[in-house]
Amino acid sequence: AELARAGGCKHFVLQSSKGANQHSRFLYLRVKGEVENLVQAVGFDRCTILRPAVLLCSRQESRPMEWIARQFLGVVAWVFPTAYSIPVETVARAMVASVLQPGKGRVEVLENGDIHKLGKA
């Protein structure tokens, strides 16, 4: 983020995680929250933070438990499409769209449902 800012970047887009919180008892969510704060402190004109839920994607490496979770969440997504998961393609489209649209303040945090809407717009 610091290198991007030094290179003239005005709008930084960060993929974080649903539940990110610098005070979390869970290491992963705590680190994600800390990173969000550090990126905001760099002082970009605009910063968009995306907090997607479980990312639905295909991987080349074998992760059996993740595969099982993705299968389950894929079914759940039919009933609750924005609650627990999101396709990585939707996140990528939302990241691009956030840069192309006017901002809603200096820092904008998009939760999973917001990412779904923006990524399909």
PDB file of N, CA and C in Angstrom:
ATOM      1  N   ALA A   1       0.831  -1.194   0.000  1.00  0.00           N
ATOM      2  CA  ALA A   1       0.000   0.000   0.000  1.00  0.00           C
ATOM      3  C   ALA A   1       0.874   1.255   0.000  1.00  0.00           C
ATOM      4  N   GLU A   2       1.936   1.230   0.782  1.00  0.00           N
ATOM      5  CA  GLU A   2       2.824   2.392   0.830  1.00  0.00           C
ATOM      6  C   GLU A   2       3.505   2.622  -0.516  1.00  0.00           C
ATOM      7  N   LEU A   3       3.924   1.543  -1.170  1.00  0.00           N
ATOM      8  CA  LEU A   3       4.547   1.672  -2.487  1.00  0.00           C
ATOM      9  C   LEU A   3       3.544   2.192  -3.516  1.00  0.00           C
ATOM     10  N   ALA A   4       2.313   1.715  -3.437  1.00  0.00           N
ATOM     11  CA  ALA A   4       1.281   2.187  -4.362  1.00  0.00           C
ATOM     12  C   ALA A   4       1.036   3.678  -4.164  1.00  0.00           C
ATOM     13  N   ARG A   5       0.952   4.092  -2.921  1.00  0.00           N
ATOM     14  CA  ARG A   5       0.722   5.521  -2.610  1.00  0.00           C
ATOM     15  C   ARG A   5       1.891   6.365  -3.117  1.00  0.00           C
ATOM     16  N   ALA A   6       3.117   5.893  -2.879  1.00  0.00           N
ATOM     17  CA  ALA A   6       4.309   6.614  -3.336  1.00  0.00           C
ATOM     18  C   ALA A   6       4.356   6.694  -4.859  1.00  0.00           C
ATOM     19  N   GLY A   7       3.762   5.692  -5.520  1.00  0.00           N
ATOM     20  CA  GLY A   7       3.719   5.676  -6.979  1.00  0.00           C
ATOM     21  C   GLY A   7       2.589   6.481  -7.575  1.00  0.00           C
ATOM     22  N   GLY A   8       1.789   7.116  -6.729  1.00  0.00           N
ATOM     23  CA  GLY A   8       0.725   7.983  -7.220  1.00  0.00           C
ATOM     24  C   GLY A   8      -0.676   7.406  -7.151  1.00  0.00           C
ATOM     25  N   CYS A   9      -0.836   6.228  -6.579  1.00  0.00           N
ATOM     26  CA  CYS A   9      -2.165   5.616  -6.461  1.00  0.00           C
ATOM     27  C   CYS A   9      -3.066   6.485  -5.586  1.00  0.00           C
ATOM     28  N   LYS A  10      -4.241   6.786  -6.085  1.00  0.00           N
ATOM     29  CA  LYS A  10      -5.187   7.616  -5.335  1.00  0.00           C
ATOM     30  C   LYS A  10      -6.315   6.803  -4.689  1.00  0.00           C
ATOM     31  N   HIS A  11      -6.636   5.660  -5.308  1.00  0.00           N
ATOM     32  CA  HIS A  11      -7.738   4.818  -4.814  1.00  0.00           C
ATOM     33  C   HIS A  11      -7.216   3.401  -4.623  1.00  0.00           C
ATOM     34  N   PHE A  12      -7.188   2.950  -3.389  1.00  0.00           N
ATOM     35  CA  PHE A  12      -6.691   1.612  -3.070  1.00  0.00           C
ATOM     36  C   PHE A  12      -7.882   0.707  -2.776  1.00  0.00           C
ATOM     37  N   VAL A  13      -7.893  -0.485  -3.380  1.00  0.00           N
ATOM     38  CA  VAL A  13      -8.955  -1.463  -3.147  1.00  0.00           C
ATOM     39  C   VAL A  13      -8.337  -2.663  -2.451  1.00  0.00           C
ATOM     40  N   LEU A  14      -8.869  -3.000  -1.284  1.00  0.00           N
ATOM     41  CA  LEU A  14      -8.340  -4.083  -0.460  1.00  0.00           C
ATOM     42  C   LEU A  14      -9.376  -5.177  -0.290  1.00  0.00           C
ATOM     43  N   GLN A  15      -8.987  -6.408  -0.584  1.00  0.00           N
ATOM     44  CA  GLN A  15      -9.847  -7.539  -0.263  1.00  0.00           C
ATOM     45  C   GLN A  15      -9.494  -8.001   1.138  1.00  0.00           C
ATOM     46  N   SER A  16     -10.443  -7.925   2.026  1.00  0.00           N
ATOM     47  CA  SER A  16     -10.255  -8.337   3.412  1.00  0.00           C
ATOM     48  C   SER A  16     -11.066  -9.610   3.646  1.00  0.00           C
ATOM     49  N   SER A  17     -11.835  -9.651   4.712  1.00  0.00           N
ATOM     50  CA  SER A  17     -12.629 -10.839   5.022  1.00  0.00           C
ATOM     51  C   SER A  17     -13.838 -10.472   5.869  1.00  0.00           C
ATOM     52  N   LYS A  18     -14.917 -11.200   5.644  1.00  0.00           N
ATOM     53  CA  LYS A  18     -16.098 -11.039   6.490  1.00  0.00           C
ATOM     54  C   LYS A  18     -15.673 -11.284   7.943  1.00  0.00           C
ATOM     55  N   GLY A  19     -16.054 -10.406   8.829  1.00  0.00           N
ATOM     56  CA  GLY A  19     -15.723 -10.563  10.238  1.00  0.00           C
ATOM     57  C   GLY A  19     -14.392  -9.958  10.644  1.00  0.00           C
ATOM     58  N   ALA A  20     -13.696  -9.287   9.718  1.00  0.00           N
ATOM     59  CA  ALA A  20     -12.404  -8.677  10.046  1.00  0.00           C
ATOM     60  C   ALA A  20     -12.583  -7.696  11.199  1.00  0.00           C
ATOM     61  N   ASN A  21     -11.692  -7.815  12.193  1.00  0.00           N
ATOM     62  CA  ASN A  21     -11.788  -6.961  13.379  1.00  0.00           C
ATOM     63  C   ASN A  21     -10.458  -7.022  14.112  1.00  0.00           C
ATOM     64  N   GLN A  22      -9.835  -5.876  14.295  1.00  0.00           N
ATOM     65  CA  GLN A  22      -8.527  -5.846  14.953  1.00  0.00           C
ATOM     66  C   GLN A  22      -8.561  -6.360  16.390  1.00  0.00           C
ATOM     67  N   HIS A  23      -9.735  -6.481  16.978  1.00  0.00           N
ATOM     68  CA  HIS A  23      -9.861  -6.955  18.356  1.00  0.00           C
ATOM     69  C   HIS A  23     -10.363  -8.397  18.450  1.00  0.00           C
ATOM     70  N   SER A  24     -10.466  -9.073  17.321  1.00  0.00           N
ATOM     71  CA  SER A  24     -10.977 -10.445  17.304  1.00  0.00           C
ATOM     72  C   SER A  24     -10.060 -11.385  18.080  1.00  0.00           C
ATOM     73  N   ARG A  25     -10.647 -12.419  18.660  1.00  0.00           N
ATOM     74  CA  ARG A  25      -9.851 -13.454  19.336  1.00  0.00           C
ATOM     75  C   ARG A  25      -9.263 -14.428  18.321  1.00  0.00           C
ATOM     76  N   PHE A  26      -9.782 -14.413  17.099  1.00  0.00           N
ATOM     77  CA  PHE A  26      -9.293 -15.305  16.059  1.00  0.00           C
ATOM     78  C   PHE A  26      -8.189 -14.603  15.271  1.00  0.00           C
ATOM     79  N   LEU A  27      -7.041 -15.245  15.180  1.00  0.00           N
ATOM     80  CA  LEU A  27      -5.871 -14.648  14.550  1.00  0.00           C
ATOM     81  C   LEU A  27      -6.166 -14.141  13.139  1.00  0.00           C
ATOM     82  N   TYR A  28      -6.789 -14.959  12.309  1.00  0.00           N
ATOM     83  CA  TYR A  28      -7.049 -14.584  10.917  1.00  0.00           C
ATOM     84  C   TYR A  28      -7.857 -13.294  10.838  1.00  0.00           C
ATOM     85  N   LEU A  29      -8.961 -13.224  11.584  1.00  0.00           N
ATOM     86  CA  LEU A  29      -9.822 -12.044  11.539  1.00  0.00           C
ATOM     87  C   LEU A  29      -9.144 -10.836  12.175  1.00  0.00           C
ATOM     88  N   ARG A  30      -8.337 -11.068  13.204  1.00  0.00           N
ATOM     89  CA  ARG A  30      -7.605  -9.972  13.845  1.00  0.00           C
ATOM     90  C   ARG A  30      -6.575  -9.372  12.876  1.00  0.00           C
ATOM     91  N   VAL A  31      -5.820 -10.237  12.189  1.00  0.00           N
ATOM     92  CA  VAL A  31      -4.827  -9.752  11.230  1.00  0.00           C
ATOM     93  C   VAL A  31      -5.505  -8.995  10.086  1.00  0.00           C
ATOM     94  N   LYS A  32      -6.621  -9.516   9.590  1.00  0.00           N
ATOM     95  CA  LYS A  32      -7.349  -8.817   8.523  1.00  0.00           C
ATOM     96  C   LYS A  32      -7.781  -7.423   8.994  1.00  0.00           C
ATOM     97  N   GLY A  33      -8.285  -7.321  10.227  1.00  0.00           N
ATOM     98  CA  GLY A  33      -8.686  -6.027  10.784  1.00  0.00           C
ATOM     99  C   GLY A  33      -7.509  -5.078  10.932  1.00  0.00           C
ATOM    100  N   GLU A  34      -6.372  -5.611  11.368  1.00  0.00           N
ATOM    101  CA  GLU A  34      -5.170  -4.786  11.510  1.00  0.00           C
ATOM    102  C   GLU A  34      -4.702  -4.270  10.153  1.00  0.00           C
ATOM    103  N   VAL A  35      -4.746  -5.132   9.144  1.00  0.00           N
ATOM    104  CA  VAL A  35      -4.339  -4.723   7.795  1.00  0.00           C
ATOM    105  C   VAL A  35      -5.262  -3.617   7.277  1.00  0.00           C
ATOM    106  N   GLU A  36      -6.551  -3.751   7.506  1.00  0.00           N
ATOM    107  CA  GLU A  36      -7.492  -2.708   7.087  1.00  0.00           C
ATOM    108  C   GLU A  36      -7.086  -1.360   7.684  1.00  0.00           C
ATOM    109  N   ASN A  37      -6.779  -1.348   8.972  1.00  0.00           N
ATOM    110  CA  ASN A  37      -6.400  -0.102   9.639  1.00  0.00           C
ATOM    111  C   ASN A  37      -5.091   0.460   9.090  1.00  0.00           C
ATOM    112  N   LEU A  38      -4.120  -0.412   8.853  1.00  0.00           N
ATOM    113  CA  LEU A  38      -2.831   0.033   8.324  1.00  0.00           C
ATOM    114  C   LEU A  38      -2.976   0.636   6.926  1.00  0.00           C
ATOM    115  N   VAL A  39      -3.792   0.009   6.083  1.00  0.00           N
ATOM    116  CA  VAL A  39      -3.995   0.530   4.727  1.00  0.00           C
ATOM    117  C   VAL A  39      -4.689   1.887   4.785  1.00  0.00           C
ATOM    118  N   GLN A  40      -5.675   2.026   5.653  1.00  0.00           N
ATOM    119  CA  GLN A  40      -6.364   3.315   5.775  1.00  0.00           C
ATOM    120  C   GLN A  40      -5.414   4.414   6.255  1.00  0.00           C
ATOM    121  N   ALA A  41      -4.469   4.055   7.103  1.00  0.00           N
ATOM    122  CA  ALA A  41      -3.525   5.030   7.658  1.00  0.00           C
ATOM    123  C   ALA A  41      -2.537   5.552   6.615  1.00  0.00           C
ATOM    124  N   VAL A  42      -2.395   4.847   5.498  1.00  0.00           N
ATOM    125  CA  VAL A  42      -1.470   5.285   4.446  1.00  0.00           C
ATOM    126  C   VAL A  42      -1.919   6.626   3.856  1.00  0.00           C
ATOM    127  N   GLY A  43      -3.203   6.892   3.873  1.00  0.00           N
ATOM    128  CA  GLY A  43      -3.696   8.200   3.451  1.00  0.00           C
ATOM    129  C   GLY A  43      -4.084   8.332   1.994  1.00  0.00           C
ATOM    130  N   PHE A  44      -4.686   7.296   1.437  1.00  0.00           N
ATOM    131  CA  PHE A  44      -5.184   7.382   0.064  1.00  0.00           C
ATOM    132  C   PHE A  44      -6.347   8.375   0.005  1.00  0.00           C
ATOM    133  N   ASP A  45      -6.549   8.972  -1.170  1.00  0.00           N
ATOM    134  CA  ASP A  45      -7.711   9.845  -1.349  1.00  0.00           C
ATOM    135  C   ASP A  45      -8.988   9.045  -1.138  1.00  0.00           C
ATOM    136  N   ARG A  46      -8.935   7.793  -1.561  1.00  0.00           N
ATOM    137  CA  ARG A  46     -10.099   6.915  -1.449  1.00  0.00           C
ATOM    138  C   ARG A  46      -9.624   5.485  -1.202  1.00  0.00           C
ATOM    139  N   CYS A  47     -10.314   4.786  -0.330  1.00  0.00           N
ATOM    140  CA  CYS A  47      -9.971   3.393  -0.010  1.00  0.00           C
ATOM    141  C   CYS A  47     -11.267   2.584   0.043  1.00  0.00           C
ATOM    142  N   THR A  48     -11.316   1.513  -0.718  1.00  0.00           N
ATOM    143  CA  THR A  48     -12.465   0.617  -0.699  1.00  0.00           C
ATOM    144  C   THR A  48     -12.007  -0.707  -0.112  1.00  0.00           C
ATOM    145  N   ILE A  49     -12.710  -1.157   0.922  1.00  0.00           N
ATOM    146  CA  ILE A  49     -12.395  -2.421   1.582  1.00  0.00           C
ATOM    147  C   ILE A  49     -13.546  -3.379   1.325  1.00  0.00           C
ATOM    148  N   LEU A  50     -13.232  -4.510   0.716  1.00  0.00           N
ATOM    149  CA  LEU A  50     -14.240  -5.533   0.466  1.00  0.00           C
ATOM    150  C   LEU A  50     -14.088  -6.631   1.508  1.00  0.00           C
ATOM    151  N   ARG A  51     -15.189  -7.013   2.122  1.00  0.00           N
ATOM    152  CA  ARG A  51     -15.199  -8.071   3.134  1.00  0.00           C
ATOM    153  C   ARG A  51     -16.083  -9.238   2.671  1.00  0.00           C
ATOM    154  N   PRO A  52     -15.556 -10.028   1.734  1.00  0.00           N
ATOM    155  CA  PRO A  52     -16.352 -11.155   1.246  1.00  0.00           C
ATOM    156  C   PRO A  52     -16.444 -12.278   2.276  1.00  0.00           C
ATOM    157  N   ALA A  53     -17.492 -13.077   2.135  1.00  0.00           N
ATOM    158  CA  ALA A  53     -17.630 -14.290   2.945  1.00  0.00           C
ATOM    159  C   ALA A  53     -16.744 -15.362   2.302  1.00  0.00           C
ATOM    160  N   VAL A  54     -17.088 -16.618   2.446  1.00  0.00           N
ATOM    161  CA  VAL A  54     -16.275 -17.706   1.891  1.00  0.00           C
ATOM    162  C   VAL A  54     -16.225 -17.581   0.380  1.00  0.00           C
ATOM    163  N   LEU A  55     -15.013 -17.581  -0.152  1.00  0.00           N
ATOM    164  CA  LEU A  55     -14.817 -17.452  -1.593  1.00  0.00           C
ATOM    165  C   LEU A  55     -15.047 -18.787  -2.283  1.00  0.00           C
ATOM    166  N   LEU A  56     -15.894 -18.795  -3.282  1.00  0.00           N
ATOM    167  CA  LEU A  56     -16.157 -20.000  -4.062  1.00  0.00           C
ATOM    168  C   LEU A  56     -15.270 -19.975  -5.299  1.00  0.00           C
ATOM    169  N   CYS A  57     -14.349 -20.920  -5.353  1.00  0.00           N
ATOM    170  CA  CYS A  57     -13.431 -20.986  -6.491  1.00  0.00           C
ATOM    171  C   CYS A  57     -12.898 -22.403  -6.628  1.00  0.00           C
ATOM    172  N   SER A  58     -12.349 -22.686  -7.785  1.00  0.00           N
ATOM    173  CA  SER A  58     -11.701 -23.970  -8.006  1.00  0.00           C
ATOM    174  C   SER A  58     -10.215 -23.798  -7.750  1.00  0.00           C
ATOM    175  N   ARG A  59      -9.627 -24.779  -7.106  1.00  0.00           N
ATOM    176  CA  ARG A  59      -8.186 -24.728  -6.822  1.00  0.00           C
ATOM    177  C   ARG A  59      -7.511 -25.917  -7.480  1.00  0.00           C
ATOM    178  N   GLN A  60      -6.249 -25.731  -7.832  1.00  0.00           N
ATOM    179  CA  GLN A  60      -5.490 -26.831  -8.399  1.00  0.00           C
ATOM    180  C   GLN A  60      -4.998 -27.776  -7.317  1.00  0.00           C
ATOM    181  N   GLU A  61      -4.621 -27.206  -6.168  1.00  0.00           N
ATOM    182  CA  GLU A  61      -4.136 -28.063  -5.088  1.00  0.00           C
ATOM    183  C   GLU A  61      -5.317 -28.728  -4.370  1.00  0.00           C
ATOM    184  N   SER A  62      -5.027 -29.825  -3.706  1.00  0.00           N
ATOM    185  CA  SER A  62      -6.064 -30.599  -3.024  1.00  0.00           C
ATOM    186  C   SER A  62      -6.250 -30.093  -1.598  1.00  0.00           C
ATOM    187  N   ARG A  63      -7.479 -29.678  -1.288  1.00  0.00           N
ATOM    188  CA  ARG A  63      -7.866 -29.265   0.057  1.00  0.00           C
ATOM    189  C   ARG A  63      -9.216 -29.920   0.346  1.00  0.00           C
ATOM    190  N   PRO A  64      -9.202 -31.166   0.811  1.00  0.00           N
ATOM    191  CA  PRO A  64     -10.452 -31.922   0.956  1.00  0.00           C
ATOM    192  C   PRO A  64     -11.514 -31.247   1.822  1.00  0.00           C
ATOM    193  N   MET A  65     -11.143 -30.690   2.955  1.00  0.00           N
ATOM    194  CA  MET A  65     -12.145 -30.067   3.831  1.00  0.00           C
ATOM    195  C   MET A  65     -12.724 -28.807   3.180  1.00  0.00           C
ATOM    196  N   GLU A  66     -11.878 -28.060   2.496  1.00  0.00           N
ATOM    197  CA  GLU A  66     -12.357 -26.875   1.805  1.00  0.00           C
ATOM    198  C   GLU A  66     -13.301 -27.277   0.674  1.00  0.00           C
ATOM    199  N   TRP A  67     -12.987 -28.362  -0.025  1.00  0.00           N
ATOM    200  CA  TRP A  67     -13.839 -28.841  -1.101  1.00  0.00           C
ATOM    201  C   TRP A  67     -15.220 -29.202  -0.553  1.00  0.00           C
ATOM    202  N   ILE A  68     -15.260 -29.904   0.570  1.00  0.00           N
ATOM    203  CA  ILE A  68     -16.535 -30.281   1.193  1.00  0.00           C
ATOM    204  C   ILE A  68     -17.320 -29.031   1.586  1.00  0.00           C
ATOM    205  N   ALA A  69     -16.635 -28.071   2.195  1.00  0.00           N
ATOM    206  CA  ALA A  69     -17.303 -26.827   2.596  1.00  0.00           C
ATOM    207  C   ALA A  69     -17.861 -26.095   1.379  1.00  0.00           C
ATOM    208  N   ARG A  70     -17.094 -26.052   0.282  1.00  0.00           N
ATOM    209  CA  ARG A  70     -17.566 -25.373  -0.934  1.00  0.00           C
ATOM    210  C   ARG A  70     -18.793 -26.062  -1.509  1.00  0.00           C
ATOM    211  N   GLN A  71     -18.816 -27.389  -1.454  1.00  0.00           N
ATOM    212  CA  GLN A  71     -19.978 -28.111  -1.970  1.00  0.00           C
ATOM    213  C   GLN A  71     -21.217 -27.769  -1.149  1.00  0.00           C
ATOM    214  N   PHE A  72     -21.063 -27.757   0.169  1.00  0.00           N
ATOM    215  CA  PHE A  72     -22.163 -27.420   1.061  1.00  0.00           C
ATOM    216  C   PHE A  72     -22.618 -25.975   0.840  1.00  0.00           C
ATOM    217  N   LEU A  73     -21.650 -25.046   0.808  1.00  0.00           N
ATOM    218  CA  LEU A  73     -21.997 -23.638   0.644  1.00  0.00           C
ATOM    219  C   LEU A  73     -22.577 -23.355  -0.732  1.00  0.00           C
ATOM    220  N   GLY A  74     -22.179 -24.121  -1.725  1.00  0.00           N
ATOM    221  CA  GLY A  74     -22.761 -23.971  -3.051  1.00  0.00           C
ATOM    222  C   GLY A  74     -24.247 -24.259  -3.035  1.00  0.00           C
ATOM    223  N   VAL A  75     -24.650 -25.274  -2.275  1.00  0.00           N
ATOM    224  CA  VAL A  75     -26.076 -25.612  -2.138  1.00  0.00           C
ATOM    225  C   VAL A  75     -26.793 -24.542  -1.332  1.00  0.00           C
ATOM    226  N   VAL A  76     -26.180 -24.101  -0.227  1.00  0.00           N
ATOM    227  CA  VAL A  76     -26.774 -23.059   0.616  1.00  0.00           C
ATOM    228  C   VAL A  76     -26.973 -21.776  -0.201  1.00  0.00           C
ATOM    229  N   ALA A  77     -26.040 -21.500  -1.106  1.00  0.00           N
ATOM    230  CA  ALA A  77     -26.117 -20.285  -1.923  1.00  0.00           C
ATOM    231  C   ALA A  77     -27.362 -20.255  -2.807  1.00  0.00           C
ATOM    232  N   TRP A  78     -27.903 -21.415  -3.125  1.00  0.00           N
ATOM    233  CA  TRP A  78     -29.147 -21.441  -3.910  1.00  0.00           C
ATOM    234  C   TRP A  78     -30.306 -20.862  -3.114  1.00  0.00           C
ATOM    235  N   VAL A  79     -30.289 -21.084  -1.788  1.00  0.00           N
ATOM    236  CA  VAL A  79     -31.372 -20.600  -0.935  1.00  0.00           C
ATOM    237  C   VAL A  79     -31.070 -19.194  -0.410  1.00  0.00           C
ATOM    238  N   PHE A  80     -29.819 -18.979   0.048  1.00  0.00           N
ATOM    239  CA  PHE A  80     -29.380 -17.694   0.594  1.00  0.00           C
ATOM    240  C   PHE A  80     -28.164 -17.220  -0.207  1.00  0.00           C
ATOM    241  N   PRO A  81     -28.385 -16.645  -1.389  1.00  0.00           N
ATOM    242  CA  PRO A  81     -27.273 -16.385  -2.303  1.00  0.00           C
ATOM    243  C   PRO A  81     -26.218 -15.401  -1.817  1.00  0.00           C
ATOM    244  N   THR A  82     -26.539 -14.541  -0.868  1.00  0.00           N
ATOM    245  CA  THR A  82     -25.541 -13.552  -0.442  1.00  0.00           C
ATOM    246  C   THR A  82     -25.106 -13.707   1.011  1.00  0.00           C
ATOM    247  N   ALA A  83     -25.517 -14.760   1.674  1.00  0.00           N
ATOM    248  CA  ALA A  83     -25.280 -14.868   3.114  1.00  0.00           C
ATOM    249  C   ALA A  83     -23.907 -15.400   3.496  1.00  0.00           C
ATOM    250  N   TYR A  84     -23.475 -16.502   2.920  1.00  0.00           N
ATOM    251  CA  TYR A  84     -22.302 -17.198   3.436  1.00  0.00           C
ATOM    252  C   TYR A  84     -21.162 -17.383   2.452  1.00  0.00           C
ATOM    253  N   SER A  85     -21.388 -17.080   1.185  1.00  0.00           N
ATOM    254  CA  SER A  85     -20.347 -17.342   0.196  1.00  0.00           C
ATOM    255  C   SER A  85     -20.475 -16.357  -0.959  1.00  0.00           C
ATOM    256  N   ILE A  86     -19.441 -16.377  -1.817  1.00  0.00           N
ATOM    257  CA  ILE A  86     -19.444 -15.511  -2.989  1.00  0.00           C
ATOM    258  C   ILE A  86     -18.431 -16.044  -4.000  1.00  0.00           C
ATOM    259  N   PRO A  87     -18.791 -16.093  -5.274  1.00  0.00           N
ATOM    260  CA  PRO A  87     -17.822 -16.515  -6.293  1.00  0.00           C
ATOM    261  C   PRO A  87     -16.700 -15.483  -6.427  1.00  0.00           C
ATOM    262  N   VAL A  88     -15.483 -15.948  -6.632  1.00  0.00           N
ATOM    263  CA  VAL A  88     -14.350 -15.024  -6.754  1.00  0.00           C
ATOM    264  C   VAL A  88     -14.536 -14.074  -7.933  1.00  0.00           C
ATOM    265  N   GLU A  89     -15.206 -14.525  -8.980  1.00  0.00           N
ATOM    266  CA  GLU A  89     -15.437 -13.659 -10.138  1.00  0.00           C
ATOM    267  C   GLU A  89     -16.299 -12.452  -9.755  1.00  0.00           C
ATOM    268  N   THR A  90     -17.253 -12.669  -8.857  1.00  0.00           N
ATOM    269  CA  THR A  90     -18.113 -11.577  -8.409  1.00  0.00           C
ATOM    270  C   THR A  90     -17.303 -10.562  -7.612  1.00  0.00           C
ATOM    271  N   VAL A  91     -16.390 -11.046  -6.787  1.00  0.00           N
ATOM    272  CA  VAL A  91     -15.523 -10.153  -6.010  1.00  0.00           C
ATOM    273  C   VAL A  91     -14.652  -9.325  -6.963  1.00  0.00           C
ATOM    274  N   ALA A  92     -14.074  -9.981  -7.956  1.00  0.00           N
ATOM    275  CA  ALA A  92     -13.217  -9.274  -8.914  1.00  0.00           C
ATOM    276  C   ALA A  92     -14.000  -8.191  -9.656  1.00  0.00           C
ATOM    277  N   ARG A  93     -15.211  -8.517 -10.098  1.00  0.00           N
ATOM    278  CA  ARG A  93     -16.030  -7.522 -10.805  1.00  0.00           C
ATOM    279  C   ARG A  93     -16.373  -6.350  -9.878  1.00  0.00           C
ATOM    280  N   ALA A  94     -16.652  -6.637  -8.607  1.00  0.00           N
ATOM    281  CA  ALA A  94     -16.963  -5.574  -7.649  1.00  0.00           C
ATOM    282  C   ALA A  94     -15.751  -4.678  -7.411  1.00  0.00           C
ATOM    283  N   MET A  95     -14.563  -5.274  -7.399  1.00  0.00           N
ATOM    284  CA  MET A  95     -13.352  -4.470  -7.211  1.00  0.00           C
ATOM    285  C   MET A  95     -13.195  -3.480  -8.371  1.00  0.00           C
ATOM    286  N   VAL A  96     -13.372  -3.955  -9.583  1.00  0.00           N
ATOM    287  CA  VAL A  96     -13.256  -3.090 -10.757  1.00  0.00           C
ATOM    288  C   VAL A  96     -14.356  -2.032 -10.736  1.00  0.00           C
ATOM    289  N   ALA A  97     -15.579  -2.442 -10.445  1.00  0.00           N
ATOM    290  CA  ALA A  97     -16.704  -1.503 -10.426  1.00  0.00           C
ATOM    291  C   ALA A  97     -16.505  -0.417  -9.367  1.00  0.00           C
ATOM    292  N   SER A  98     -15.905  -0.771  -8.238  1.00  0.00           N
ATOM    293  CA  SER A  98     -15.702   0.227  -7.176  1.00  0.00           C
ATOM    294  C   SER A  98     -14.756   1.337  -7.630  1.00  0.00           C
ATOM    295  N   VAL A  99     -13.833   1.001  -8.520  1.00  0.00           N
ATOM    296  CA  VAL A  99     -12.900   2.002  -9.040  1.00  0.00           C
ATOM    297  C   VAL A  99     -13.588   2.883 -10.084  1.00  0.00           C
ATOM    298  N   LEU A 100     -14.502   2.313 -10.841  1.00  0.00           N
ATOM    299  CA  LEU A 100     -15.146   3.038 -11.933  1.00  0.00           C
ATOM    300  C   LEU A 100     -16.304   3.924 -11.496  1.00  0.00           C
ATOM    301  N   GLN A 101     -16.851   3.689 -10.318  1.00  0.00           N
ATOM    302  CA  GLN A 101     -17.993   4.482  -9.871  1.00  0.00           C
ATOM    303  C   GLN A 101     -17.545   5.574  -8.905  1.00  0.00           C
ATOM    304  N   PRO A 102     -18.346   6.620  -8.753  1.00  0.00           N
ATOM    305  CA  PRO A 102     -18.006   7.673  -7.796  1.00  0.00           C
ATOM    306  C   PRO A 102     -17.988   7.120  -6.369  1.00  0.00           C
ATOM    307  N   GLY A 103     -17.138   7.677  -5.554  1.00  0.00           N
ATOM    308  CA  GLY A 103     -16.998   7.201  -4.179  1.00  0.00           C
ATOM    309  C   GLY A 103     -18.082   7.704  -3.256  1.00  0.00           C
ATOM    310  N   LYS A 104     -18.230   6.999  -2.155  1.00  0.00           N
ATOM    311  CA  LYS A 104     -19.185   7.390  -1.118  1.00  0.00           C
ATOM    312  C   LYS A 104     -18.412   7.748   0.148  1.00  0.00           C
ATOM    313  N   GLY A 105     -17.416   8.574   0.002  1.00  0.00           N
ATOM    314  CA  GLY A 105     -16.580   8.962   1.132  1.00  0.00           C
ATOM    315  C   GLY A 105     -15.153   8.487   0.931  1.00  0.00           C
ATOM    316  N   ARG A 106     -14.305   8.858   1.864  1.00  0.00           N
ATOM    317  CA  ARG A 106     -12.887   8.509   1.756  1.00  0.00           C
ATOM    318  C   ARG A 106     -12.655   7.022   1.940  1.00  0.00           C
ATOM    319  N   VAL A 107     -13.364   6.405   2.883  1.00  0.00           N
ATOM    320  CA  VAL A 107     -13.246   4.963   3.116  1.00  0.00           C
ATOM    321  C   VAL A 107     -14.622   4.340   2.978  1.00  0.00           C
ATOM    322  N   GLU A 108     -14.696   3.315   2.132  1.00  0.00           N
ATOM    323  CA  GLU A 108     -15.955   2.611   1.933  1.00  0.00           C
ATOM    324  C   GLU A 108     -15.718   1.134   2.221  1.00  0.00           C
ATOM    325  N   VAL A 109     -16.536   0.568   3.104  1.00  0.00           N
ATOM    326  CA  VAL A 109     -16.430  -0.854   3.444  1.00  0.00           C
ATOM    327  C   VAL A 109     -17.632  -1.562   2.842  1.00  0.00           C
ATOM    328  N   LEU A 110     -17.352  -2.553   1.999  1.00  0.00           N
ATOM    329  CA  LEU A 110     -18.425  -3.315   1.346  1.00  0.00           C
ATOM    330  C   LEU A 110     -18.485  -4.715   1.959  1.00  0.00           C
ATOM    331  N   GLU A 111     -19.604  -5.036   2.557  1.00  0.00           N
ATOM    332  CA  GLU A 111     -19.819  -6.366   3.129  1.00  0.00           C
ATOM    333  C   GLU A 111     -20.288  -7.302   2.011  1.00  0.00           C
ATOM    334  N   ASN A 112     -20.435  -8.575   2.331  1.00  0.00           N
ATOM    335  CA  ASN A 112     -20.712  -9.598   1.333  1.00  0.00           C
ATOM    336  C   ASN A 112     -21.922  -9.273   0.439  1.00  0.00           C
ATOM    337  N   GLY A 113     -23.037  -8.861   1.033  1.00  0.00           N
ATOM    338  CA  GLY A 113     -24.222  -8.528   0.233  1.00  0.00           C
ATOM    339  C   GLY A 113     -23.977  -7.374  -0.725  1.00  0.00           C
ATOM    340  N   ASP A 114     -23.251  -6.356  -0.252  1.00  0.00           N
ATOM    341  CA  ASP A 114     -22.905  -5.216  -1.099  1.00  0.00           C
ATOM    342  C   ASP A 114     -22.008  -5.628  -2.256  1.00  0.00           C
ATOM    343  N   ILE A 115     -21.077  -6.556  -1.974  1.00  0.00           N
ATOM    344  CA  ILE A 115     -20.170  -7.046  -3.011  1.00  0.00           C
ATOM    345  C   ILE A 115     -20.960  -7.796  -4.084  1.00  0.00           C
ATOM    346  N   HIS A 116     -21.930  -8.614  -3.639  1.00  0.00           N
ATOM    347  CA  HIS A 116     -22.788  -9.327  -4.609  1.00  0.00           C
ATOM    348  C   HIS A 116     -23.484  -8.331  -5.532  1.00  0.00           C
ATOM    349  N   LYS A 117     -24.087  -7.281  -4.964  1.00  0.00           N
ATOM    350  CA  LYS A 117     -24.818  -6.291  -5.768  1.00  0.00           C
ATOM    351  C   LYS A 117     -23.888  -5.582  -6.731  1.00  0.00           C
ATOM    352  N   LEU A 118     -22.769  -5.104  -6.242  1.00  0.00           N
ATOM    353  CA  LEU A 118     -21.852  -4.336  -7.074  1.00  0.00           C
ATOM    354  C   LEU A 118     -21.206  -5.215  -8.142  1.00  0.00           C
ATOM    355  N   GLY A 119     -20.912  -6.466  -7.788  1.00  0.00           N
ATOM    356  CA  GLY A 119     -20.277  -7.378  -8.723  1.00  0.00           C
ATOM    357  C   GLY A 119     -21.190  -7.869  -9.830  1.00  0.00           C
ATOM    358  N   LYS A 120     -22.499  -7.659  -9.664  1.00  0.00           N
ATOM    359  CA  LYS A 120     -23.452  -8.068 -10.696  1.00  0.00           C
ATOM    360  C   LYS A 120     -24.032  -6.883 -11.443  1.00  0.00           C
ATOM    361  N   ALA A 121     -23.624  -5.674 -11.036  1.00  0.00           N
ATOM    362  CA  ALA A 121     -24.159  -4.450 -11.668  1.00  0.00           C
ATOM    363  C   ALA A 121     -23.543  -4.265 -13.050  1.00  0.00           C
TER     364      ALA A 121
END
